[in-house]
Amino acid sequence: MNRLRTGSLTTLIISAIGIIYALIMDPAPWVVYGVAIFLIPLFILSVGILSMAEPEEEEADERVNEPFIGY
């Protein structure tokens, strides 16, 4: 769990820096497209993973005791 959290936090920071760079520095259009295609979805994904990585106190026992039953 710690490895997942560290990776997601690193991805969040790198993508946030890239997004801020594209907003402030006015780079070439292909850089802005790259940020829009890759870094914005990575930012959203890493926020979601960080929010799902730690269970709430009420759900902690349920995640350990009950197996994943599918969709």
N, C-alpha and C. Protein backbone atom coordinates (compact mmCIF):
# COMPACT_ATOMS: atom_id res chain seq x y z
N MET A 1 0.82 -1.18 0.00
CA MET A 1 0.00 0.00 0.00
C MET A 1 0.88 1.26 0.00
N ASN A 2 1.97 1.19 0.71
CA ASN A 2 2.85 2.35 0.76
C ASN A 2 3.47 2.63 -0.60
N ARG A 3 3.79 1.58 -1.35
CA ARG A 3 4.37 1.73 -2.68
C ARG A 3 3.36 2.37 -3.64
N LEU A 4 2.12 1.95 -3.55
CA LEU A 4 1.06 2.52 -4.39
C LEU A 4 0.85 4.00 -4.07
N ARG A 5 0.84 4.31 -2.80
CA ARG A 5 0.66 5.71 -2.38
C ARG A 5 1.82 6.58 -2.84
N THR A 6 3.04 6.07 -2.73
CA THR A 6 4.22 6.83 -3.15
C THR A 6 4.21 7.06 -4.65
N GLY A 7 3.89 6.04 -5.43
CA GLY A 7 3.82 6.19 -6.87
C GLY A 7 2.74 7.15 -7.32
N SER A 8 1.59 7.08 -6.68
CA SER A 8 0.49 7.98 -7.02
C SER A 8 0.80 9.42 -6.64
N LEU A 9 1.45 9.60 -5.52
CA LEU A 9 1.82 10.95 -5.10
C LEU A 9 2.87 11.54 -6.03
N THR A 10 3.82 10.72 -6.46
CA THR A 10 4.84 11.18 -7.41
C THR A 10 4.20 11.56 -8.74
N THR A 11 3.29 10.74 -9.23
CA THR A 11 2.59 11.03 -10.48
C THR A 11 1.76 12.30 -10.35
N LEU A 12 1.12 12.48 -9.21
CA LEU A 12 0.33 13.68 -8.98
C LEU A 12 1.19 14.93 -9.03
N ILE A 13 2.34 14.90 -8.40
CA ILE A 13 3.22 16.06 -8.36
C ILE A 13 3.78 16.37 -9.75
N ILE A 14 4.25 15.34 -10.45
CA ILE A 14 4.82 15.55 -11.79
C ILE A 14 3.76 16.09 -12.75
N SER A 15 2.56 15.53 -12.72
CA SER A 15 1.53 16.00 -13.63
C SER A 15 1.07 17.41 -13.27
N ALA A 16 1.01 17.73 -11.98
CA ALA A 16 0.63 19.09 -11.58
C ALA A 16 1.66 20.11 -12.04
N ILE A 17 2.94 19.76 -11.93
CA ILE A 17 3.99 20.66 -12.41
C ILE A 17 3.89 20.86 -13.91
N GLY A 18 3.63 19.78 -14.66
CA GLY A 18 3.48 19.89 -16.11
C GLY A 18 2.28 20.72 -16.51
N ILE A 19 1.18 20.56 -15.81
CA ILE A 19 -0.02 21.34 -16.12
C ILE A 19 0.21 22.82 -15.82
N ILE A 20 0.81 23.12 -14.70
CA ILE A 20 1.10 24.51 -14.35
C ILE A 20 2.07 25.12 -15.35
N TYR A 21 3.07 24.35 -15.76
CA TYR A 21 4.02 24.83 -16.77
C TYR A 21 3.30 25.20 -18.06
N ALA A 22 2.39 24.32 -18.51
CA ALA A 22 1.68 24.58 -19.76
C ALA A 22 0.75 25.79 -19.65
N LEU A 23 0.24 26.05 -18.46
CA LEU A 23 -0.65 27.20 -18.28
C LEU A 23 0.11 28.52 -18.20
N ILE A 24 1.27 28.50 -17.56
CA ILE A 24 1.97 29.75 -17.29
C ILE A 24 2.98 30.13 -18.38
N MET A 25 3.78 29.18 -18.85
CA MET A 25 4.90 29.49 -19.72
C MET A 25 4.56 29.64 -21.21
N ASP A 26 3.39 29.26 -21.62
CA ASP A 26 2.97 29.35 -23.02
C ASP A 26 3.96 28.64 -23.96
N PRO A 27 4.08 27.31 -23.82
CA PRO A 27 4.99 26.56 -24.69
C PRO A 27 4.40 26.34 -26.07
N ALA A 28 5.12 25.59 -26.89
CA ALA A 28 4.66 25.27 -28.24
C ALA A 28 3.33 24.50 -28.17
N PRO A 29 2.54 24.59 -29.22
CA PRO A 29 1.23 23.91 -29.20
C PRO A 29 1.32 22.40 -29.00
N TRP A 30 2.33 21.76 -29.55
CA TRP A 30 2.42 20.31 -29.39
C TRP A 30 2.69 19.93 -27.93
N VAL A 31 3.35 20.78 -27.16
CA VAL A 31 3.56 20.52 -25.74
C VAL A 31 2.24 20.63 -24.99
N VAL A 32 1.44 21.61 -25.35
CA VAL A 32 0.13 21.78 -24.70
C VAL A 32 -0.77 20.59 -25.02
N TYR A 33 -0.72 20.11 -26.25
CA TYR A 33 -1.51 18.92 -26.61
C TYR A 33 -1.03 17.70 -25.83
N GLY A 34 0.26 17.56 -25.68
CA GLY A 34 0.80 16.44 -24.89
C GLY A 34 0.36 16.49 -23.44
N VAL A 35 0.36 17.69 -22.88
CA VAL A 35 -0.11 17.85 -21.50
C VAL A 35 -1.59 17.49 -21.42
N ALA A 36 -2.37 17.95 -22.39
CA ALA A 36 -3.81 17.67 -22.37
C ALA A 36 -4.10 16.19 -22.54
N ILE A 37 -3.32 15.50 -23.36
CA ILE A 37 -3.58 14.09 -23.64
C ILE A 37 -3.06 13.18 -22.53
N PHE A 38 -1.90 13.50 -21.96
CA PHE A 38 -1.27 12.58 -21.01
C PHE A 38 -1.32 13.05 -19.55
N LEU A 39 -0.98 14.29 -19.28
CA LEU A 39 -0.82 14.70 -17.89
C LEU A 39 -2.13 14.98 -17.17
N ILE A 40 -3.12 15.53 -17.86
CA ILE A 40 -4.39 15.79 -17.18
C ILE A 40 -5.08 14.49 -16.77
N PRO A 41 -5.17 13.46 -17.65
CA PRO A 41 -5.73 12.18 -17.18
C PRO A 41 -4.91 11.51 -16.09
N LEU A 42 -3.57 11.63 -16.15
CA LEU A 42 -2.74 11.07 -15.08
C LEU A 42 -3.00 11.78 -13.75
N PHE A 43 -3.21 13.08 -13.80
CA PHE A 43 -3.53 13.84 -12.60
C PHE A 43 -4.83 13.32 -11.98
N ILE A 44 -5.85 13.16 -12.79
CA ILE A 44 -7.15 12.69 -12.30
C ILE A 44 -7.04 11.26 -11.77
N LEU A 45 -6.30 10.42 -12.49
CA LEU A 45 -6.12 9.03 -12.05
C LEU A 45 -5.38 8.96 -10.71
N SER A 46 -4.33 9.75 -10.55
CA SER A 46 -3.57 9.68 -9.31
C SER A 46 -4.38 10.22 -8.13
N VAL A 47 -5.22 11.21 -8.35
CA VAL A 47 -6.09 11.69 -7.28
C VAL A 47 -7.07 10.60 -6.87
N GLY A 48 -7.62 9.89 -7.85
CA GLY A 48 -8.53 8.79 -7.55
C GLY A 48 -7.86 7.65 -6.82
N ILE A 49 -6.65 7.31 -7.22
CA ILE A 49 -5.94 6.23 -6.55
C ILE A 49 -5.58 6.63 -5.13
N LEU A 50 -5.17 7.87 -4.92
CA LEU A 50 -4.86 8.32 -3.56
C LEU A 50 -6.09 8.31 -2.67
N SER A 51 -7.24 8.65 -3.22
CA SER A 51 -8.45 8.66 -2.40
C SER A 51 -8.95 7.24 -2.11
N MET A 52 -8.66 6.30 -2.99
CA MET A 52 -9.11 4.92 -2.78
C MET A 52 -8.09 4.06 -2.05
N ALA A 53 -6.85 4.52 -1.93
CA ALA A 53 -5.80 3.70 -1.34
C ALA A 53 -6.02 3.44 0.14
N GLU A 54 -6.51 4.42 0.85
CA GLU A 54 -6.74 4.26 2.29
C GLU A 54 -8.23 4.04 2.55
N PRO A 55 -8.56 2.92 3.17
CA PRO A 55 -9.98 2.70 3.48
C PRO A 55 -10.41 3.56 4.67
N GLU A 56 -11.68 3.86 4.71
CA GLU A 56 -12.23 4.57 5.86
C GLU A 56 -12.24 3.63 7.05
N GLU A 57 -12.36 4.16 8.24
CA GLU A 57 -12.33 3.34 9.45
C GLU A 57 -13.43 2.29 9.45
N GLU A 58 -14.60 2.66 8.94
CA GLU A 58 -15.73 1.73 8.93
C GLU A 58 -15.53 0.61 7.93
N GLU A 59 -14.83 0.87 6.82
CA GLU A 59 -14.66 -0.11 5.76
C GLU A 59 -13.41 -0.96 5.91
N ALA A 60 -12.54 -0.64 6.83
CA ALA A 60 -11.26 -1.33 6.94
C ALA A 60 -11.46 -2.82 7.24
N ASP A 61 -12.34 -3.15 8.16
CA ASP A 61 -12.58 -4.56 8.49
C ASP A 61 -13.25 -5.29 7.34
N GLU A 62 -14.15 -4.62 6.65
CA GLU A 62 -14.85 -5.25 5.54
C GLU A 62 -13.90 -5.61 4.41
N ARG A 63 -12.93 -4.76 4.15
CA ARG A 63 -11.98 -5.03 3.07
C ARG A 63 -11.07 -6.21 3.41
N VAL A 64 -10.78 -6.40 4.67
CA VAL A 64 -9.90 -7.49 5.07
C VAL A 64 -10.68 -8.80 5.18
N ASN A 65 -11.85 -8.77 5.76
CA ASN A 65 -12.59 -10.00 6.04
C ASN A 65 -13.38 -10.52 4.86
N GLU A 66 -13.88 -9.66 4.00
CA GLU A 66 -14.69 -10.10 2.87
C GLU A 66 -13.89 -10.05 1.58
N PRO A 67 -13.89 -11.12 0.82
CA PRO A 67 -13.16 -11.09 -0.45
C PRO A 67 -13.95 -10.29 -1.49
N PHE A 68 -13.24 -9.93 -2.53
CA PHE A 68 -13.89 -9.22 -3.65
C PHE A 68 -14.77 -10.21 -4.38
N ILE A 69 -16.06 -9.87 -4.54
CA ILE A 69 -16.99 -10.82 -5.13
C ILE A 69 -17.27 -10.59 -6.60
N GLY A 70 -16.69 -9.60 -7.20
CA GLY A 70 -16.87 -9.38 -8.62
C GLY A 70 -17.70 -8.15 -8.90
N TYR A 71 -18.24 -8.13 -10.06
CA TYR A 71 -18.92 -6.94 -10.55
C TYR A 71 -20.41 -7.05 -10.40
